[in-house]
């Protein structure tokens, strides 16, 4: 989805936590995005739209965040 307004809205739904887990690292907290059903759907739609029509038959997702997004994308 190339809609800059939606992309900016998604970015603003992700909270930055500076110096976590150690100084100099900015942790991207996606719980703020996940708790908003509409934003989560927009995020999934953005990813799916990019790959729609490419005959993808399997979705592989790794780590905790990947599991959350991968299952929704596969659906």
Protein backbone atom coordinates (compact mmCIF):
# COMPACT_ATOMS: atom_id res chain seq x y z
CA UNK A 1 0.00 0.00 0.00
CA UNK A 2 1.65 3.19 -1.13
CA UNK A 3 -0.71 5.48 0.73
CA UNK A 4 1.66 7.75 2.71
CA UNK A 5 -1.11 8.76 5.12
CA UNK A 6 -1.73 5.13 6.14
CA UNK A 7 1.98 4.35 6.37
CA UNK A 8 2.59 7.38 8.59
CA UNK A 9 -0.36 6.37 10.75
CA UNK A 10 1.13 2.92 11.19
CA UNK A 11 4.54 4.36 12.03
CA UNK A 12 3.00 6.64 14.63
CA UNK A 13 1.37 3.57 16.22
CA UNK A 14 4.76 2.09 17.06
CA UNK A 15 6.32 3.39 20.25
CA UNK A 16 10.07 4.01 20.57
CA UNK A 17 11.68 2.99 23.84
CA UNK A 18 15.19 4.46 23.97
CA UNK A 19 18.10 2.63 25.57
CA UNK A 20 16.35 -0.74 25.76
CA UNK A 21 17.60 -3.36 26.27
CA UNK A 22 20.82 -1.39 26.59
CA UNK A 23 22.08 2.12 26.03
CA UNK A 24 22.15 3.23 22.39
CA UNK A 25 19.40 0.87 21.19
CA UNK A 26 15.90 2.07 20.33
CA UNK A 27 13.38 -0.72 20.91
CA UNK A 28 10.32 -0.59 18.64
CA UNK A 29 7.32 -1.49 20.82
CA UNK A 30 4.55 -2.83 18.59
CA UNK A 31 2.08 -3.52 21.40
CA UNK A 32 0.62 -0.09 20.75
CA UNK A 33 -0.10 -1.17 17.15
CA UNK A 34 -1.38 -4.62 18.12
CA UNK A 35 -3.95 -3.33 20.60
CA UNK A 36 -5.60 -1.22 17.87
CA UNK A 37 -7.52 -3.66 15.65
CA UNK A 38 -7.92 -1.17 12.79
CA UNK A 39 -4.19 -0.33 12.73
CA UNK A 40 -3.25 -4.01 12.91
CA UNK A 41 -5.55 -4.74 9.97
CA UNK A 42 -4.02 -1.85 8.00
CA UNK A 43 -0.53 -3.22 8.69
CA UNK A 44 -1.51 -6.70 7.50
CA UNK A 45 -3.26 -5.28 4.43
CA UNK A 46 -0.14 -3.26 3.54
CA UNK A 47 2.05 -6.35 3.63
CA UNK A 48 -0.43 -8.60 1.82
CA UNK A 49 -1.08 -6.06 -0.93
CA UNK A 50 2.62 -5.94 -1.77
CA UNK A 51 2.76 -9.70 -2.47
CA UNK A 52 -0.74 -10.39 -3.78
CA UNK A 53 -0.84 -12.14 -7.16
CA UNK A 54 2.70 -13.53 -6.85
CA UNK A 55 1.57 -17.15 -6.37
CA UNK A 56 2.96 -17.39 -2.84
CA UNK A 57 1.79 -20.62 -1.22
CA UNK A 58 3.70 -20.54 2.09
CA UNK A 59 4.44 -17.85 4.64
CA UNK A 60 7.40 -18.31 6.98
CA UNK A 61 7.66 -16.15 10.04
CA UNK A 62 10.30 -16.19 12.76
CA UNK A 63 10.47 -15.00 16.34
CA UNK A 64 7.68 -13.58 18.44
CA UNK A 65 6.71 -10.68 16.19
CA UNK A 66 6.86 -12.84 13.10
CA UNK A 67 4.42 -15.33 14.55
CA UNK A 68 1.88 -12.60 15.18
CA UNK A 69 2.10 -11.12 11.69
CA UNK A 70 2.83 -14.32 9.77
CA UNK A 71 -0.34 -16.10 10.77
CA UNK A 72 -2.51 -13.10 9.85
CA UNK A 73 -0.70 -12.69 6.53
CA UNK A 74 -1.05 -16.40 5.70
CA UNK A 75 -4.77 -16.20 6.42
